[in-house]
N, C-alpha and C. Protein backbone atom coordinates (compact mmCIF):
# COMPACT_ATOMS: atom_id res chain seq x y z
N UNK A 1 14.40 12.26 -15.05
CA UNK A 1 14.04 11.02 -14.44
C UNK A 1 13.52 10.03 -15.50
N UNK A 2 12.75 10.52 -16.44
CA UNK A 2 12.15 9.61 -17.41
C UNK A 2 13.21 8.99 -18.31
N UNK A 3 14.24 9.75 -18.69
CA UNK A 3 15.28 9.16 -19.54
C UNK A 3 16.07 8.13 -18.76
N UNK A 4 16.23 8.33 -17.44
CA UNK A 4 16.90 7.32 -16.62
C UNK A 4 16.08 6.03 -16.57
N UNK A 5 14.77 6.17 -16.45
CA UNK A 5 13.90 4.99 -16.43
C UNK A 5 14.00 4.23 -17.76
N UNK A 6 14.06 4.95 -18.86
CA UNK A 6 14.21 4.32 -20.17
C UNK A 6 15.54 3.59 -20.26
N UNK A 7 16.60 4.23 -19.78
CA UNK A 7 17.92 3.60 -19.79
C UNK A 7 17.94 2.33 -18.94
N UNK A 8 17.40 2.41 -17.72
CA UNK A 8 17.36 1.23 -16.85
C UNK A 8 16.55 0.10 -17.48
N UNK A 9 15.45 0.44 -18.14
CA UNK A 9 14.62 -0.57 -18.78
C UNK A 9 15.38 -1.27 -19.90
N UNK A 10 16.26 -0.54 -20.58
CA UNK A 10 17.02 -1.13 -21.68
C UNK A 10 18.15 -2.03 -21.19
N UNK A 11 18.77 -1.70 -20.08
CA UNK A 11 19.94 -2.45 -19.63
C UNK A 11 19.63 -3.47 -18.52
N UNK A 12 18.43 -3.45 -17.97
CA UNK A 12 18.06 -4.40 -16.92
C UNK A 12 16.69 -5.00 -17.20
N UNK A 13 16.34 -5.96 -16.41
CA UNK A 13 15.01 -6.57 -16.50
C UNK A 13 13.99 -5.85 -15.62
N UNK A 14 14.45 -4.93 -14.78
CA UNK A 14 13.58 -4.26 -13.83
C UNK A 14 12.68 -3.26 -14.55
N UNK A 15 11.38 -3.38 -14.33
CA UNK A 15 10.40 -2.50 -14.95
C UNK A 15 9.53 -1.85 -13.87
N UNK A 16 10.15 -1.27 -12.88
CA UNK A 16 9.42 -0.68 -11.76
C UNK A 16 9.23 0.81 -12.00
N UNK A 17 8.00 1.30 -11.82
CA UNK A 17 7.79 2.73 -12.04
C UNK A 17 8.23 3.51 -10.81
N UNK A 18 8.80 4.69 -11.03
CA UNK A 18 9.29 5.49 -9.91
C UNK A 18 8.14 6.11 -9.12
N UNK A 19 8.41 6.37 -7.86
CA UNK A 19 7.44 7.04 -6.99
C UNK A 19 7.96 8.45 -6.73
N UNK A 20 7.13 9.44 -6.99
CA UNK A 20 7.46 10.82 -6.72
C UNK A 20 6.87 11.17 -5.36
N UNK A 21 7.73 11.37 -4.36
CA UNK A 21 7.28 11.71 -3.01
C UNK A 21 7.16 13.22 -2.90
N UNK A 22 5.96 13.69 -2.55
CA UNK A 22 5.66 15.12 -2.51
C UNK A 22 5.17 15.48 -1.12
N UNK A 23 5.73 16.56 -0.54
CA UNK A 23 5.31 16.95 0.80
C UNK A 23 4.25 18.05 0.79
N UNK A 24 3.66 18.31 -0.35
CA UNK A 24 2.61 19.31 -0.49
C UNK A 24 1.33 18.60 -0.92
N UNK A 25 0.37 18.52 0.00
CA UNK A 25 -0.87 17.78 -0.28
C UNK A 25 -1.64 18.40 -1.45
N UNK A 26 -1.59 19.72 -1.59
CA UNK A 26 -2.25 20.38 -2.72
C UNK A 26 -1.67 19.93 -4.04
N UNK A 27 -0.36 19.77 -4.10
CA UNK A 27 0.29 19.32 -5.33
C UNK A 27 -0.11 17.88 -5.66
N UNK A 28 -0.23 17.04 -4.63
CA UNK A 28 -0.65 15.65 -4.85
C UNK A 28 -2.07 15.63 -5.42
N UNK A 29 -2.98 16.38 -4.80
CA UNK A 29 -4.37 16.42 -5.27
C UNK A 29 -4.45 17.00 -6.68
N UNK A 30 -3.67 18.02 -6.94
CA UNK A 30 -3.69 18.66 -8.26
C UNK A 30 -3.24 17.70 -9.35
N UNK A 31 -2.26 16.83 -9.03
CA UNK A 31 -1.79 15.90 -10.05
C UNK A 31 -2.74 14.73 -10.28
N UNK A 32 -3.55 14.41 -9.30
CA UNK A 32 -4.42 13.23 -9.41
C UNK A 32 -5.87 13.57 -9.75
N UNK A 33 -6.31 14.80 -9.53
CA UNK A 33 -7.72 15.13 -9.67
C UNK A 33 -7.93 16.18 -10.77
N UNK A 34 -8.48 15.80 -11.91
CA UNK A 34 -8.66 16.76 -13.01
C UNK A 34 -9.64 17.89 -12.69
N UNK A 35 -10.63 17.65 -11.84
CA UNK A 35 -11.57 18.71 -11.49
C UNK A 35 -10.87 19.81 -10.71
N UNK A 36 -10.00 19.43 -9.80
CA UNK A 36 -9.23 20.41 -9.04
C UNK A 36 -8.35 21.20 -9.99
N UNK A 37 -7.84 20.54 -11.02
CA UNK A 37 -6.95 21.19 -11.99
C UNK A 37 -7.65 22.32 -12.75
N UNK A 38 -8.92 22.17 -13.04
CA UNK A 38 -9.64 23.19 -13.81
C UNK A 38 -9.65 24.53 -13.08
N UNK A 39 -9.55 24.50 -11.76
CA UNK A 39 -9.55 25.74 -10.98
C UNK A 39 -8.13 26.26 -10.76
N UNK A 40 -7.15 25.62 -11.33
CA UNK A 40 -5.75 25.99 -11.08
C UNK A 40 -5.02 26.23 -12.40
N UNK A 41 -5.44 27.22 -13.12
CA UNK A 41 -4.88 27.47 -14.45
C UNK A 41 -3.50 28.12 -14.39
N UNK A 42 -3.05 28.50 -13.22
CA UNK A 42 -1.76 29.19 -13.10
C UNK A 42 -0.57 28.23 -13.02
N UNK A 43 -0.81 26.93 -13.05
CA UNK A 43 0.29 25.97 -12.94
C UNK A 43 1.20 26.04 -14.16
N UNK A 44 2.47 25.69 -13.94
CA UNK A 44 3.41 25.81 -15.06
C UNK A 44 3.59 24.49 -15.81
N UNK A 45 4.43 24.52 -16.81
CA UNK A 45 4.63 23.40 -17.73
C UNK A 45 5.14 22.15 -17.00
N UNK A 46 5.99 22.32 -15.99
CA UNK A 46 6.53 21.15 -15.27
C UNK A 46 5.41 20.33 -14.64
N UNK A 47 4.40 21.02 -14.09
CA UNK A 47 3.28 20.31 -13.49
C UNK A 47 2.55 19.48 -14.55
N UNK A 48 2.34 20.05 -15.72
CA UNK A 48 1.61 19.33 -16.76
C UNK A 48 2.37 18.07 -17.19
N UNK A 49 3.69 18.13 -17.22
CA UNK A 49 4.50 16.96 -17.55
C UNK A 49 4.31 15.87 -16.50
N UNK A 50 4.36 16.25 -15.22
CA UNK A 50 4.19 15.27 -14.14
C UNK A 50 2.80 14.66 -14.21
N UNK A 51 1.78 15.49 -14.41
CA UNK A 51 0.40 14.99 -14.49
C UNK A 51 0.24 14.02 -15.67
N UNK A 52 0.84 14.36 -16.80
CA UNK A 52 0.77 13.50 -17.98
C UNK A 52 1.41 12.13 -17.69
N UNK A 53 2.57 12.12 -17.08
CA UNK A 53 3.26 10.86 -16.77
C UNK A 53 2.47 10.05 -15.74
N UNK A 54 1.82 10.72 -14.78
CA UNK A 54 0.98 10.02 -13.81
C UNK A 54 -0.22 9.38 -14.52
N UNK A 55 -0.87 10.13 -15.39
CA UNK A 55 -2.03 9.60 -16.12
C UNK A 55 -1.66 8.46 -17.05
N UNK A 56 -0.43 8.47 -17.57
CA UNK A 56 0.05 7.39 -18.43
C UNK A 56 0.46 6.16 -17.62
N UNK A 57 0.50 6.29 -16.30
CA UNK A 57 0.91 5.17 -15.45
C UNK A 57 2.41 4.97 -15.40
N UNK A 58 3.17 5.98 -15.80
CA UNK A 58 4.63 5.85 -15.83
C UNK A 58 5.28 6.22 -14.50
N UNK A 59 4.57 7.01 -13.67
CA UNK A 59 5.06 7.34 -12.34
C UNK A 59 3.91 7.22 -11.35
N UNK A 60 4.25 7.11 -10.08
CA UNK A 60 3.26 7.15 -9.02
C UNK A 60 3.58 8.37 -8.16
N UNK A 61 2.57 8.96 -7.56
CA UNK A 61 2.76 10.14 -6.71
C UNK A 61 2.21 9.81 -5.34
N UNK A 62 3.03 10.03 -4.32
CA UNK A 62 2.61 9.76 -2.95
C UNK A 62 2.97 10.94 -2.06
N UNK A 63 2.12 11.18 -1.07
CA UNK A 63 2.40 12.24 -0.10
C UNK A 63 3.38 11.72 0.94
N UNK A 64 4.28 12.58 1.37
CA UNK A 64 5.22 12.28 2.44
C UNK A 64 5.26 13.51 3.34
N UNK A 65 5.34 13.30 4.65
CA UNK A 65 5.39 14.46 5.53
C UNK A 65 6.71 15.21 5.35
N UNK A 66 6.67 16.50 5.58
CA UNK A 66 7.83 17.36 5.32
C UNK A 66 9.06 16.94 6.11
N UNK A 67 8.87 16.39 7.29
CA UNK A 67 10.00 15.99 8.12
C UNK A 67 10.81 14.87 7.48
N UNK A 68 10.19 14.07 6.63
CA UNK A 68 10.88 12.94 6.01
C UNK A 68 11.17 13.15 4.52
N UNK A 69 11.03 14.37 4.04
CA UNK A 69 11.30 14.66 2.63
C UNK A 69 12.81 14.72 2.41
N UNK A 70 13.36 13.62 1.92
CA UNK A 70 14.82 13.51 1.77
C UNK A 70 15.39 14.50 0.77
N UNK A 71 14.61 14.94 -0.18
CA UNK A 71 15.11 15.89 -1.18
C UNK A 71 15.47 17.24 -0.56
N UNK A 72 14.93 17.54 0.62
CA UNK A 72 15.24 18.81 1.27
C UNK A 72 16.72 18.98 1.54
N UNK A 73 17.43 17.88 1.75
CA UNK A 73 18.86 17.97 2.04
C UNK A 73 19.63 18.56 0.86
N UNK A 74 19.07 18.46 -0.33
CA UNK A 74 19.72 18.98 -1.54
C UNK A 74 19.21 20.36 -1.95
N UNK A 75 18.12 20.82 -1.33
CA UNK A 75 17.50 22.05 -1.81
C UNK A 75 17.37 23.15 -0.78
N UNK A 76 17.64 22.86 0.51
CA UNK A 76 17.41 23.86 1.55
C UNK A 76 18.55 23.87 2.55
N UNK A 77 18.71 25.03 3.19
CA UNK A 77 19.60 25.10 4.35
C UNK A 77 18.81 24.53 5.52
N UNK A 78 19.37 23.54 6.21
CA UNK A 78 18.65 22.84 7.27
C UNK A 78 19.35 22.99 8.61
N UNK A 79 18.58 22.92 9.70
CA UNK A 79 19.21 22.85 11.02
C UNK A 79 20.07 21.59 11.11
N UNK A 80 21.07 21.63 11.94
CA UNK A 80 22.04 20.54 12.03
C UNK A 80 21.37 19.18 12.30
N UNK A 81 20.44 19.13 13.25
CA UNK A 81 19.82 17.84 13.59
C UNK A 81 19.00 17.28 12.44
N UNK A 82 18.28 18.15 11.73
CA UNK A 82 17.49 17.68 10.58
C UNK A 82 18.41 17.20 9.46
N UNK A 83 19.49 17.94 9.23
CA UNK A 83 20.47 17.54 8.22
C UNK A 83 21.03 16.16 8.56
N UNK A 84 21.41 15.95 9.82
CA UNK A 84 21.97 14.67 10.23
C UNK A 84 20.95 13.54 10.06
N UNK A 85 19.70 13.81 10.41
CA UNK A 85 18.65 12.80 10.28
C UNK A 85 18.45 12.41 8.81
N UNK A 86 18.33 13.40 7.93
CA UNK A 86 18.14 13.11 6.51
C UNK A 86 19.36 12.43 5.91
N UNK A 87 20.54 12.85 6.32
CA UNK A 87 21.77 12.22 5.84
C UNK A 87 21.79 10.75 6.23
N UNK A 88 21.37 10.46 7.45
CA UNK A 88 21.31 9.06 7.91
C UNK A 88 20.28 8.27 7.10
N UNK A 89 19.11 8.87 6.83
CA UNK A 89 18.08 8.20 6.05
C UNK A 89 18.57 7.87 4.64
N UNK A 90 19.44 8.72 4.10
CA UNK A 90 20.00 8.48 2.78
C UNK A 90 21.14 7.46 2.81
N UNK A 91 21.58 7.11 4.01
CA UNK A 91 22.66 6.13 4.14
C UNK A 91 24.03 6.72 3.90
N UNK A 92 24.16 8.03 4.05
CA UNK A 92 25.45 8.69 3.87
C UNK A 92 26.12 8.81 5.23
N UNK A 93 27.23 8.10 5.39
CA UNK A 93 27.93 8.10 6.67
C UNK A 93 29.42 8.23 6.41
N UNK A 94 30.06 9.06 7.21
CA UNK A 94 31.50 9.19 7.11
C UNK A 94 32.07 9.42 8.51
N UNK A 95 33.13 8.74 8.84
CA UNK A 95 33.76 8.92 10.14
C UNK A 95 34.43 10.28 10.23
N UNK A 96 34.69 10.92 9.11
CA UNK A 96 35.40 12.19 9.10
C UNK A 96 34.47 13.39 9.20
N UNK A 97 33.15 13.17 9.15
CA UNK A 97 32.20 14.28 9.24
C UNK A 97 32.01 14.65 10.70
N UNK A 98 32.07 15.94 11.00
CA UNK A 98 31.87 16.42 12.36
C UNK A 98 30.46 16.92 12.60
N UNK A 99 29.58 16.88 11.61
CA UNK A 99 28.22 17.37 11.81
C UNK A 99 27.23 16.25 11.79
């Protein structure tokens, strides 16, 4: 994501920081609160990268309820109705799709 932001900054005038939507409230608190982090030494390297970018002001982190987490369509097997709802939220429509 960060290299894409660098690329967009070079080829456009848009300088908007990305928002990372997270459906886990613990993960949101962990990335924003250093005191909470001291009690969570088991986190992996990816978390530290996200926390660093948040502290640098390069990304924003916001909580989103699980029902509206659009990334789930790419990472989980979903019930048909939830799949259709997320597909619609993403703006993916095809007359040839039967689901």
